[in-house]
Amino acid sequence: MSAFQKLFKQTFIYGLATVLPRMLSFLLVPLYTTEGVLSSVAEYGKVSVIFSYFVLFNVVLAYGMETAFFRFFNKEEDKNQVVGTSTISLIISSLGFFALALFFQNQIASFIDIDVKYINLVIWILLLDALVIIPFAWLRANEKPKRYAIIKILNVAINLGLNLFFLLALKDLASNNSMFDSIYIPNFEVSYIFIANLIASAVTLLLMLPFYSKIKFVFNSRLWKTMFRYAFPVLIAGVAFSINETFDRILLKELLPADIAETDIGMYSACYKIAVFMTLFATAYRLGIEPYFFSHSKSENPQKNYAKILELFVAFGSVILLFVVVFADVLKPYIVRSEAYWEAMWIVPIILLANFCLGIYHNLSVWYKITDRTKFGAYISIFGAIITLAINILFIKEYSYKASAIATLVAYSIMMLLSYYFGRKYYPIPYNLKKIGLYLFVSILFSILSFYKFRENYAVGIPLLLVFLGMIYVLEKNQINQLLKRRVE
C-alpha cells in the first residue's frame, strides 16, 4: 500500500472515530431545536455557553501533552518512558484539577454565572475525558485505528442514545411506569444532557482501563521537562484556538442585553452546526496526517509529500465548501428543525470558509511541529485570539453574532497566512500555490454567487458545483485515480 493510500485509509478511520464526537453535537442539534424538547431558543443558548467552557478546559487539562507524546514517541528510543511519563503527568494534573474544582465549585459557578448543578457535572466529565487522552494517543501512535474507532463510536452511541432516552422517552415512560417515574425530574432537560455525557465518558474510561494495566509506570523527570517545554506552546496555542472557536458565545452572553443574549447565542450556535461538514473533514484530515508528519519527517524529501497533501486537502475542502453552500437551505430543516433559529443562516458560508482556513492552517503547521518550534504556533494562535477578541468586543453590540462569524473568518485567515509566511523561512515546502489559489478563488467566488446572489436558485447553484467538480477532476485526475485504485495482489 502506498504512503498516500495508507494515509487516507487511516484518515478515514480516525476521521470516522474522532470526528463522531464532534458529529454528536451536530446530530443532537435536530433534537435540541425541535419544538417542545427544550423550553426555548435561549435554553439551547445556555447549553452552548456551557459547552464553550468545555472546549476551553479540555485544552487546559491536556496542556499540549498529546502532541508532545506523538513527537517524543517517534523521537525517543525508550518509548516506555514516554508513555509512562506522559500518563503519570496527566493523571496527577487531572486529579489535582478535579479536587480544586470541586472545592471551589460554588465560586466558579458564581464567577461564570452558570448554575452550580451544571458545574458539578462538568467537573466530573472533564476528569474522565482527561484520563483517556494518552490512552487514545497511544492507540493512534501504535496504528490501532480499529480499536480507537470502536471505542470512540461507542461513546457517541451511548451519549446519543441517552439524550434520546432522557429528552424524548423518559417523560412518557414515567407516566406509565413507577420505576421510570423515580428518575424523571420535570424541567431537568439541560442536566439530562450533561448526565448523558457523563455516563458516556465513564464507559469510555472503563474500556480504556486495560491500557493502564499494560504500561510501565515509569516517570523520567528530565524527559518530562523536555516534553513540557515542547507542550507548553501547544497549550497556549490550544487556549488561543478555544478562544477563536467558542469564546464568542461567552462574549455574546456578556456583551448583549440579557433579554436577547441567550436567544442570539442559540440561533448562532444552531446555524453554526450546518458548517460542521467542513469541521469534520478538517479534523479527520488532521488526525490522519499528524502521526504521518512525524513518522515521515526523516524520510527522503518529505516536503514533496507534504506539499501534495495540502493540495489534495484544498481540493477536497473546496468541494465541501461549495457543496454545503449550494445546498445549505436544503440541509437546514434536517439539522436545525425549528424556524426560530433560521435567522442566523447568513453566517453559514462565513463559518464554512473560516473552518476551511483553519484546516489549511493545520496542514501548514507541520513546519513548526517537526522542527520543534512550537512557540511559533503559540504566537500565531495568540495573535488570532487577539483579533477574535478585538472584533467581537468592538462590534458585537451593533452586529451581534454576525460580528462573531466575521471575527472567526478573519482570525483563521490571518493565522493561515502567518503560518505560511514563517514556514517558508524555517522549513520551505514547495506548495503548488497556483493550483491551491485557483481552487480557493473559484470555490469562494462560486459560493458567494450561489448563496448571496442566487440563494435557493438551484438552476444556478448546481451547474456551478458541477463545473467546479469537473475542474478538480481534470487537474487531480491522476492522484484521485491512484487513491481510489484497489491494490492488486
Protein backbone atom coordinates (compact mmCIF):
# COMPACT_ATOMS: atom_id res chain seq x y z
CA MET A 1 0.00 0.00 0.00
CA SER A 2 1.44 3.40 -0.95
CA ALA A 3 2.08 6.05 1.68
CA PHE A 4 -0.82 8.14 0.39
CA GLN A 5 -3.22 5.19 0.36
CA LYS A 6 -2.23 4.29 3.92
CA LEU A 7 -2.63 7.91 4.96
CA PHE A 8 -6.11 8.15 3.50
CA LYS A 9 -7.17 4.81 4.99
CA GLN A 10 -6.08 5.89 8.46
CA THR A 11 -7.56 9.34 7.92
CA PHE A 12 -10.92 7.75 7.10
CA ILE A 13 -10.90 5.50 10.18
CA TYR A 14 -9.62 8.15 12.57
CA GLY A 15 -11.93 10.65 10.97
CA LEU A 16 -14.94 8.41 11.43
CA ALA A 17 -13.96 7.77 15.05
CA THR A 18 -12.77 11.13 16.32
CA VAL A 19 -14.99 13.28 14.19
CA LEU A 20 -18.02 11.42 15.53
CA PRO A 21 -17.77 13.11 18.95
CA ARG A 22 -17.90 16.40 17.07
CA MET A 23 -20.58 14.88 14.90
CA LEU A 24 -22.54 14.15 18.06
CA SER A 25 -23.18 17.83 18.69
CA PHE A 26 -24.29 18.05 15.08
CA LEU A 27 -26.58 15.02 15.40
CA LEU A 28 -28.11 16.44 18.55
CA VAL A 29 -28.96 19.82 17.02
CA PRO A 30 -32.17 18.47 15.38
CA LEU A 31 -33.17 17.07 18.78
CA TYR A 32 -32.40 20.22 20.77
CA THR A 33 -34.01 22.52 18.15
CA THR A 34 -37.22 20.51 17.87
CA GLU A 35 -40.08 22.46 19.42
CA GLY A 36 -41.01 21.14 22.84
CA VAL A 37 -37.74 19.38 23.65
CA LEU A 38 -36.02 22.41 25.17
CA SER A 39 -38.26 25.13 26.50
CA SER A 40 -36.86 27.89 24.26
CA VAL A 41 -34.08 29.01 21.92
CA ALA A 42 -32.48 30.59 24.98
CA GLU A 43 -32.20 27.16 26.66
CA TYR A 44 -30.13 25.93 23.75
CA GLY A 45 -28.07 29.09 24.10
CA LYS A 46 -27.40 28.16 27.72
CA VAL A 47 -26.20 24.67 26.70
CA SER A 48 -23.95 26.22 24.04
CA VAL A 49 -22.29 28.54 26.55
CA ILE A 50 -21.52 25.64 28.89
CA PHE A 51 -20.02 23.61 26.05
CA SER A 52 -17.87 26.62 25.18
CA TYR A 53 -16.27 26.32 28.61
CA PHE A 54 -15.90 22.59 27.99
CA VAL A 55 -13.69 23.28 24.96
CA LEU A 56 -11.50 25.70 26.91
CA PHE A 57 -10.95 23.43 29.91
CA ASN A 58 -10.38 20.32 27.79
CA VAL A 59 -7.46 22.16 26.21
CA VAL A 60 -6.11 23.28 29.58
CA LEU A 61 -6.30 19.77 31.05
CA ALA A 62 -4.48 18.29 28.04
CA TYR A 63 -1.85 21.11 28.15
CA GLY A 64 -0.30 20.03 24.85
CA MET A 65 0.82 16.66 26.20
CA GLU A 66 -0.92 14.72 23.43
CA THR A 67 1.13 16.48 20.72
CA ALA A 68 4.29 16.11 22.84
CA PHE A 69 3.53 12.41 23.20
CA PHE A 70 3.48 11.94 19.42
CA ARG A 71 6.66 13.92 18.97
CA PHE A 72 8.68 12.06 21.60
CA PHE A 73 7.15 8.64 20.94
CA ASN A 74 8.65 8.85 17.45
CA LYS A 75 11.84 10.54 18.65
CA GLU A 76 12.92 8.67 21.80
CA GLU A 77 14.36 5.16 21.78
CA ASP A 78 12.77 4.22 25.12
CA LYS A 79 9.09 4.53 24.26
CA ASN A 80 8.03 3.07 27.62
CA GLN A 81 9.42 6.13 29.36
CA VAL A 82 7.50 8.44 27.02
CA VAL A 83 4.25 6.56 27.66
CA GLY A 84 4.78 6.30 31.42
CA THR A 85 5.93 9.87 31.93
CA SER A 86 3.09 11.43 29.95
CA THR A 87 0.48 9.16 31.56
CA ILE A 88 1.60 9.91 35.13
CA SER A 89 1.72 13.61 34.31
CA LEU A 90 -1.87 13.61 33.04
CA ILE A 91 -3.15 11.56 36.00
CA ILE A 92 -1.62 13.88 38.61
CA SER A 93 -2.71 17.10 36.89
CA SER A 94 -6.24 15.81 36.22
CA LEU A 95 -6.81 14.68 39.80
CA GLY A 96 -5.38 17.96 41.08
CA PHE A 97 -7.75 19.95 38.91
CA PHE A 98 -10.67 17.75 39.98
CA ALA A 99 -10.05 18.31 43.69
CA LEU A 100 -9.63 22.07 43.34
CA ALA A 101 -12.61 22.48 41.03
CA LEU A 102 -14.93 20.53 43.36
CA PHE A 103 -13.74 22.55 46.36
CA PHE A 104 -14.34 25.87 44.59
CA GLN A 105 -17.37 24.86 42.51
CA ASN A 106 -19.66 27.45 44.10
CA GLN A 107 -17.20 30.25 43.44
CA ILE A 108 -16.71 29.04 39.84
CA ALA A 109 -20.47 28.94 39.30
CA SER A 110 -20.85 32.46 40.62
CA PHE A 111 -17.94 33.81 38.58
CA ILE A 112 -19.10 32.47 35.19
CA ASP A 113 -22.81 32.82 36.01
CA ILE A 114 -23.75 29.16 35.50
CA ASP A 115 -25.82 27.08 37.91
CA VAL A 116 -23.63 25.06 40.26
CA LYS A 117 -25.53 21.84 39.48
CA TYR A 118 -24.18 22.06 35.91
CA ILE A 119 -20.67 22.91 37.13
CA ASN A 120 -20.57 19.75 39.25
CA LEU A 121 -21.42 17.55 36.25
CA VAL A 122 -18.93 19.38 34.03
CA ILE A 123 -16.09 18.83 36.52
CA TRP A 124 -16.67 15.07 36.52
CA ILE A 125 -16.86 14.91 32.73
CA LEU A 126 -13.63 16.89 32.36
CA LEU A 127 -11.81 14.49 34.70
CA LEU A 128 -12.98 11.39 32.85
CA ASP A 129 -12.12 12.86 29.46
CA ALA A 130 -8.65 13.92 30.59
CA LEU A 131 -7.80 10.41 31.78
CA VAL A 132 -8.23 8.93 28.29
CA ILE A 133 -6.09 11.47 26.42
CA ILE A 134 -2.87 9.45 26.48
CA PRO A 135 -4.56 6.05 26.03
CA PHE A 136 -6.19 7.29 22.82
CA ALA A 137 -2.92 8.89 21.69
CA TRP A 138 -1.16 5.56 22.33
CA LEU A 139 -3.64 3.77 20.07
CA ARG A 140 -3.01 6.29 17.30
CA ALA A 141 0.77 6.17 17.70
CA ASN A 142 0.72 2.36 17.50
CA GLU A 143 -1.57 2.46 14.45
CA LYS A 144 -4.53 0.71 16.06
CA PRO A 145 -7.28 2.68 14.32
CA LYS A 146 -9.96 -0.02 14.59
CA ARG A 147 -9.90 -0.23 18.38
CA TYR A 148 -9.68 3.54 18.54
CA ALA A 149 -12.72 3.81 16.28
CA ILE A 150 -14.82 1.24 18.14
CA ILE A 151 -14.40 2.98 21.49
CA LYS A 152 -15.00 6.45 20.07
CA ILE A 153 -18.09 5.33 18.18
CA LEU A 154 -19.45 3.57 21.28
CA ASN A 155 -19.02 6.80 23.25
CA VAL A 156 -21.09 8.65 20.67
CA ALA A 157 -23.73 5.92 20.53
CA ILE A 158 -24.19 5.92 24.33
CA ASN A 159 -24.32 9.72 24.50
CA LEU A 160 -26.77 9.98 21.63
CA GLY A 161 -28.93 7.13 22.91
CA LEU A 162 -29.15 8.59 26.41
CA ASN A 163 -30.02 12.03 25.04
CA LEU A 164 -32.88 10.50 23.08
CA PHE A 165 -33.98 8.50 26.13
CA PHE A 166 -33.86 11.38 28.61
CA LEU A 167 -35.32 14.08 26.35
CA LEU A 168 -37.87 12.13 24.32
CA ALA A 169 -38.82 8.89 26.03
CA LEU A 170 -38.40 9.31 29.78
CA LYS A 171 -41.36 11.61 30.39
CA ASP A 172 -43.83 9.23 28.71
CA LEU A 173 -42.29 6.19 30.37
CA ALA A 174 -42.51 7.88 33.78
CA SER A 175 -46.24 8.47 33.38
CA ASN A 176 -46.84 4.73 32.88
CA ASN A 177 -44.13 3.09 34.98
CA SER A 178 -43.18 3.80 38.59
CA MET A 179 -39.58 2.72 38.02
CA PHE A 180 -39.03 5.44 35.41
CA ASP A 181 -41.07 7.90 37.47
CA SER A 182 -38.39 7.68 40.16
CA ILE A 183 -35.70 9.05 37.82
CA TYR A 184 -37.80 11.58 35.91
CA ILE A 185 -37.48 15.20 37.01
CA PRO A 186 -39.58 17.91 35.29
CA ASN A 187 -37.69 20.83 33.69
CA PHE A 188 -34.42 18.94 34.08
CA GLU A 189 -33.56 18.78 30.37
CA VAL A 190 -30.24 20.65 30.50
CA SER A 191 -29.00 18.46 33.35
CA TYR A 192 -30.03 15.34 31.46
CA ILE A 193 -27.85 16.46 28.54
CA PHE A 194 -24.77 16.55 30.78
CA ILE A 195 -25.69 13.34 32.62
CA ALA A 196 -25.76 11.55 29.26
CA ASN A 197 -22.31 12.95 28.52
CA LEU A 198 -21.03 11.87 31.94
CA ILE A 199 -22.21 8.26 31.54
CA ALA A 200 -20.67 8.02 28.05
CA SER A 201 -17.34 9.36 29.35
CA ALA A 202 -17.37 6.90 32.26
CA VAL A 203 -17.93 3.93 29.93
CA THR A 204 -15.10 5.15 27.67
CA LEU A 205 -12.68 5.28 30.60
CA LEU A 206 -13.70 1.77 31.67
CA LEU A 207 -12.94 0.47 28.17
CA MET A 208 -9.53 2.17 28.22
CA LEU A 209 -8.52 0.76 31.62
CA PRO A 210 -6.57 -2.15 30.01
CA PHE A 211 -4.11 0.48 28.77
CA TYR A 212 -3.26 1.35 32.37
CA SER A 213 -2.64 -2.30 33.21
CA LYS A 214 -0.28 -2.80 30.25
CA ILE A 215 2.04 0.18 30.51
CA LYS A 216 5.06 0.64 32.73
CA PHE A 217 4.53 3.47 35.22
CA VAL A 218 7.99 4.96 34.92
CA PHE A 219 8.48 8.68 35.33
CA ASN A 220 11.53 10.41 33.90
CA SER A 221 11.70 13.95 35.26
CA ARG A 222 14.27 15.03 32.66
CA LEU A 223 12.09 13.73 29.86
CA TRP A 224 9.00 15.34 31.41
CA LYS A 225 10.70 18.75 31.49
CA THR A 226 11.68 18.38 27.83
CA MET A 227 8.17 17.25 26.88
CA PHE A 228 6.57 20.06 28.85
CA ARG A 229 8.79 22.67 27.20
CA TYR A 230 7.60 21.30 23.88
CA ALA A 231 3.98 21.06 25.05
CA PHE A 232 3.62 24.45 26.73
CA PRO A 233 3.47 26.48 23.50
CA VAL A 234 0.96 23.91 22.22
CA LEU A 235 -1.12 24.61 25.34
CA ILE A 236 -1.00 28.34 24.70
CA ALA A 237 -1.93 27.74 21.08
CA GLY A 238 -4.77 25.47 22.19
CA VAL A 239 -6.18 28.06 24.59
CA ALA A 240 -5.99 30.63 21.83
CA PHE A 241 -7.74 28.22 19.48
CA SER A 242 -10.50 27.65 22.00
CA ILE A 243 -10.97 31.40 22.21
CA ASN A 244 -11.24 31.55 18.43
CA GLU A 245 -13.61 28.58 18.30
CA THR A 246 -16.02 29.10 21.16
CA PHE A 247 -15.32 32.23 23.20
CA ASP A 248 -17.63 34.26 21.01
CA ARG A 249 -20.61 32.59 22.74
CA ILE A 250 -19.28 33.72 26.09
CA LEU A 251 -18.75 37.26 24.80
CA LEU A 252 -22.21 37.33 23.26
CA LYS A 253 -23.62 36.42 26.67
CA GLU A 254 -21.60 39.14 28.37
CA LEU A 255 -21.97 41.96 25.85
CA LEU A 256 -25.53 41.64 24.54
CA PRO A 257 -28.58 42.73 26.56
CA ALA A 258 -29.69 39.93 28.88
CA ASP A 259 -33.13 39.64 27.25
CA ILE A 260 -31.70 38.67 23.84
CA ALA A 261 -28.24 37.25 24.61
CA GLU A 262 -29.08 33.56 25.07
CA THR A 263 -31.60 33.64 22.21
CA ASP A 264 -28.99 35.05 19.81
CA ILE A 265 -26.47 32.51 21.08
CA GLY A 266 -28.98 29.73 20.46
CA MET A 267 -29.62 30.84 16.86
CA TYR A 268 -25.92 31.38 16.17
CA SER A 269 -24.84 28.04 17.67
CA ALA A 270 -27.53 26.09 15.82
CA CYS A 271 -26.74 27.54 12.38
CA TYR A 272 -23.01 27.25 13.15
CA LYS A 273 -23.55 23.48 13.18
CA ILE A 274 -24.50 23.49 9.49
CA ALA A 275 -20.86 24.29 8.84
CA VAL A 276 -19.85 21.15 10.73
CA PHE A 277 -19.18 19.27 7.47
CA MET A 278 -16.04 21.32 6.97
CA THR A 279 -15.02 20.92 10.60
CA LEU A 280 -15.43 17.17 10.38
CA PHE A 281 -13.38 16.93 7.21
CA ALA A 282 -10.60 19.14 8.55
CA THR A 283 -10.48 17.29 11.87
CA ALA A 284 -10.37 13.88 10.21
CA TYR A 285 -7.59 15.03 7.92
CA ARG A 286 -5.59 16.48 10.82
CA LEU A 287 -5.88 13.29 12.85
CA GLY A 288 -4.62 11.26 9.92
CA ILE A 289 -1.74 13.49 8.95
CA GLU A 290 -0.34 14.43 12.38
CA PRO A 291 1.24 11.00 13.05
CA TYR A 292 2.16 10.85 9.33
CA PHE A 293 4.01 14.17 9.53
CA PHE A 294 6.14 12.98 12.44
CA SER A 295 6.80 9.45 11.19
CA HIS A 296 7.86 10.64 7.70
CA SER A 297 9.84 13.71 8.78
CA LYS A 298 13.15 11.84 8.34
CA SER A 299 12.26 10.17 5.06
CA GLU A 300 13.78 11.28 1.78
CA ASN A 301 12.36 14.62 0.64
CA PRO A 302 9.26 14.65 2.90
CA GLN A 303 8.49 18.22 1.78
CA LYS A 304 7.27 16.94 -1.59
CA ASN A 305 4.67 14.72 0.10
CA TYR A 306 3.65 17.50 2.49
CA ALA A 307 3.04 19.79 -0.46
CA LYS A 308 0.84 17.25 -2.22
CA ILE A 309 -1.13 16.59 0.97
CA LEU A 310 -2.06 20.28 1.26
CA GLU A 311 -3.01 20.43 -2.41
CA LEU A 312 -5.39 17.48 -2.01
CA PHE A 313 -6.79 18.92 1.20
CA VAL A 314 -7.61 22.21 -0.51
CA ALA A 315 -9.14 20.41 -3.49
CA PHE A 316 -11.47 18.28 -1.35
CA GLY A 317 -12.17 21.11 1.08
CA SER A 318 -13.16 23.44 -1.75
CA VAL A 319 -15.70 20.87 -2.96
CA ILE A 320 -17.17 20.57 0.54
CA LEU A 321 -17.35 24.36 0.87
CA LEU A 322 -19.24 24.83 -2.36
CA PHE A 323 -21.49 21.77 -1.89
CA VAL A 324 -22.68 22.83 1.58
CA VAL A 325 -23.19 26.44 0.49
CA VAL A 326 -25.26 25.42 -2.55
CA PHE A 327 -27.46 23.06 -0.52
CA ALA A 328 -27.47 24.94 2.80
CA ASP A 329 -31.20 25.68 2.62
CA VAL A 330 -31.95 22.07 1.72
CA LEU A 331 -29.96 20.86 4.72
CA LYS A 332 -31.22 23.33 7.31
CA PRO A 333 -34.67 21.76 8.05
CA TYR A 334 -32.96 18.44 8.77
CA ILE A 335 -30.28 19.93 11.03
CA VAL A 336 -31.98 22.94 12.62
CA ARG A 337 -35.56 21.82 12.96
CA SER A 338 -37.30 24.97 14.18
CA GLU A 339 -37.64 28.10 12.05
CA ALA A 340 -36.99 30.12 15.20
CA TYR A 341 -33.26 29.51 14.63
CA TRP A 342 -33.04 30.22 10.89
CA GLU A 343 -32.49 33.94 11.22
CA ALA A 344 -28.76 33.20 11.65
CA MET A 345 -28.35 31.32 8.33
CA TRP A 346 -26.35 34.28 6.99
CA ILE A 347 -23.30 33.04 8.93
CA VAL A 348 -23.10 29.59 7.31
CA PRO A 349 -20.78 30.40 4.34
CA ILE A 350 -18.63 32.57 6.62
CA ILE A 351 -18.12 29.81 9.19
CA LEU A 352 -17.55 27.20 6.48
CA LEU A 353 -14.78 29.28 4.95
CA ALA A 354 -13.33 30.07 8.38
CA ASN A 355 -13.03 26.38 9.24
CA PHE A 356 -11.56 25.71 5.81
CA CYS A 357 -8.83 28.25 6.55
CA LEU A 358 -8.28 26.60 9.91
CA GLY A 359 -7.85 23.23 8.19
CA ILE A 360 -5.27 24.73 5.82
CA TYR A 361 -3.50 26.24 8.82
CA HIS A 362 -3.24 22.81 10.47
CA ASN A 363 -1.69 21.42 7.30
CA LEU A 364 0.77 24.31 7.13
CA SER A 365 1.67 23.91 10.81
CA VAL A 366 3.81 20.84 10.04
CA TRP A 367 6.88 23.07 9.81
CA TYR A 368 6.91 24.22 13.43
CA LYS A 369 5.93 20.82 14.86
CA ILE A 370 8.67 18.78 13.24
CA THR A 371 11.32 21.46 13.74
CA ASP A 372 10.40 21.80 17.45
CA ARG A 373 9.45 25.45 17.02
CA THR A 374 6.05 25.06 18.66
CA LYS A 375 6.41 28.52 20.16
CA PHE A 376 5.52 29.88 16.72
CA GLY A 377 2.23 28.01 16.90
CA ALA A 378 1.56 29.78 20.19
CA TYR A 379 2.50 33.20 18.79
CA ILE A 380 0.28 32.76 15.75
CA SER A 381 -2.64 31.45 17.78
CA ILE A 382 -2.36 34.24 20.33
CA PHE A 383 -2.42 36.78 17.51
CA GLY A 384 -5.53 35.10 16.13
CA ALA A 385 -7.17 35.15 19.57
CA ILE A 386 -6.42 38.85 19.92
CA ILE A 387 -8.10 39.51 16.58
CA THR A 388 -11.10 37.41 17.61
CA LEU A 389 -11.49 39.21 20.91
CA ALA A 390 -10.99 42.67 19.39
CA ILE A 391 -13.56 42.26 16.61
CA ASN A 392 -16.10 40.69 18.96
CA ILE A 393 -15.68 43.30 21.67
CA LEU A 394 -15.85 46.19 19.21
CA PHE A 395 -18.76 45.01 17.09
CA ILE A 396 -20.95 42.52 18.98
CA LYS A 397 -23.17 45.21 20.47
CA GLU A 398 -24.02 46.50 16.99
CA TYR A 399 -23.89 43.36 14.84
CA SER A 400 -24.38 40.53 17.37
CA TYR A 401 -23.42 37.07 16.03
CA LYS A 402 -22.56 38.44 12.56
CA ALA A 403 -19.55 40.12 14.15
CA SER A 404 -18.60 36.80 15.77
CA ALA A 405 -18.74 34.94 12.46
CA ILE A 406 -16.61 37.53 10.66
CA ALA A 407 -14.14 37.59 13.55
CA THR A 408 -13.68 33.83 13.22
CA LEU A 409 -13.01 34.10 9.48
CA VAL A 410 -10.57 37.00 9.81
CA ALA A 411 -8.65 35.31 12.65
CA TYR A 412 -8.26 31.94 10.91
CA SER A 413 -7.35 33.57 7.58
CA ILE A 414 -4.58 35.63 9.15
CA MET A 415 -3.28 32.62 11.11
CA MET A 416 -3.15 30.62 7.88
CA LEU A 417 -1.17 33.35 6.11
CA LEU A 418 1.22 33.84 9.02
CA SER A 419 1.96 30.12 9.22
CA TYR A 420 2.75 30.03 5.51
CA TYR A 421 4.99 33.11 5.82
CA PHE A 422 7.09 31.74 8.68
CA GLY A 423 7.11 28.23 7.24
CA ARG A 424 8.82 29.50 4.08
CA LYS A 425 11.67 30.77 6.24
CA TYR A 426 12.21 27.86 8.62
CA TYR A 427 11.09 24.80 6.66
CA PRO A 428 10.43 25.56 2.98
CA ILE A 429 7.84 23.28 1.35
CA PRO A 430 7.21 23.52 -2.41
CA TYR A 431 3.45 24.13 -2.31
CA ASN A 432 1.73 24.49 -5.66
CA LEU A 433 0.39 27.96 -4.93
CA LYS A 434 -1.11 28.47 -8.39
CA LYS A 435 -3.28 25.38 -8.14
CA ILE A 436 -4.17 25.94 -4.48
CA GLY A 437 -5.00 29.58 -5.19
CA LEU A 438 -7.18 28.58 -8.14
CA TYR A 439 -9.19 26.12 -6.03
CA LEU A 440 -9.71 28.70 -3.29
CA PHE A 441 -10.61 31.56 -5.62
CA VAL A 442 -13.11 29.62 -7.72
CA SER A 443 -14.82 27.88 -4.78
CA ILE A 444 -15.16 31.14 -2.83
CA LEU A 445 -16.43 33.04 -5.87
CA PHE A 446 -18.99 30.35 -6.72
CA SER A 447 -20.05 30.19 -3.05
CA ILE A 448 -20.68 33.94 -2.91
CA LEU A 449 -22.68 33.84 -6.12
CA SER A 450 -24.71 30.82 -5.04
CA PHE A 451 -25.58 31.94 -1.51
CA TYR A 452 -25.70 35.72 -1.58
CA LYS A 453 -26.85 36.34 -5.17
CA PHE A 454 -28.75 33.21 -6.27
CA ARG A 455 -29.76 31.62 -2.97
CA GLU A 456 -32.05 28.60 -3.41
CA ASN A 457 -31.80 29.02 -7.18
CA TYR A 458 -30.52 25.54 -7.97
CA ALA A 459 -30.57 26.17 -11.70
CA VAL A 460 -27.51 28.32 -10.96
CA GLY A 461 -26.02 26.63 -7.89
CA ILE A 462 -25.89 23.04 -9.17
CA PRO A 463 -24.20 23.91 -12.51
CA LEU A 464 -21.62 25.95 -10.58
CA LEU A 465 -20.92 22.92 -8.40
CA LEU A 466 -20.66 20.57 -11.40
CA VAL A 467 -18.28 22.92 -13.21
CA PHE A 468 -16.07 23.05 -10.14
CA LEU A 469 -16.13 19.26 -9.70
CA GLY A 470 -15.10 18.87 -13.32
CA MET A 471 -12.22 21.28 -12.84
CA ILE A 472 -10.99 19.38 -9.78
CA TYR A 473 -11.17 16.04 -11.57
CA VAL A 474 -9.28 17.29 -14.61
CA LEU A 475 -6.49 18.81 -12.50
CA GLU A 476 -6.24 15.98 -9.95
CA LYS A 477 -7.26 13.01 -12.11
CA ASN A 478 -4.07 11.02 -11.68
CA GLN A 479 -3.94 11.45 -7.92
CA ILE A 480 -7.65 10.69 -7.44
CA ASN A 481 -7.38 7.53 -9.54
CA GLN A 482 -4.34 6.42 -7.55
CA LEU A 483 -6.19 6.90 -4.26
CA LEU A 484 -9.28 5.05 -5.47
CA LYS A 485 -7.44 2.21 -7.17
CA ARG A 486 -7.62 -1.09 -5.31
CA ARG A 487 -4.40 -2.79 -4.55
CA VAL A 488 -3.80 -5.67 -6.94
CA GLU A 489 -2.38 -8.70 -5.14
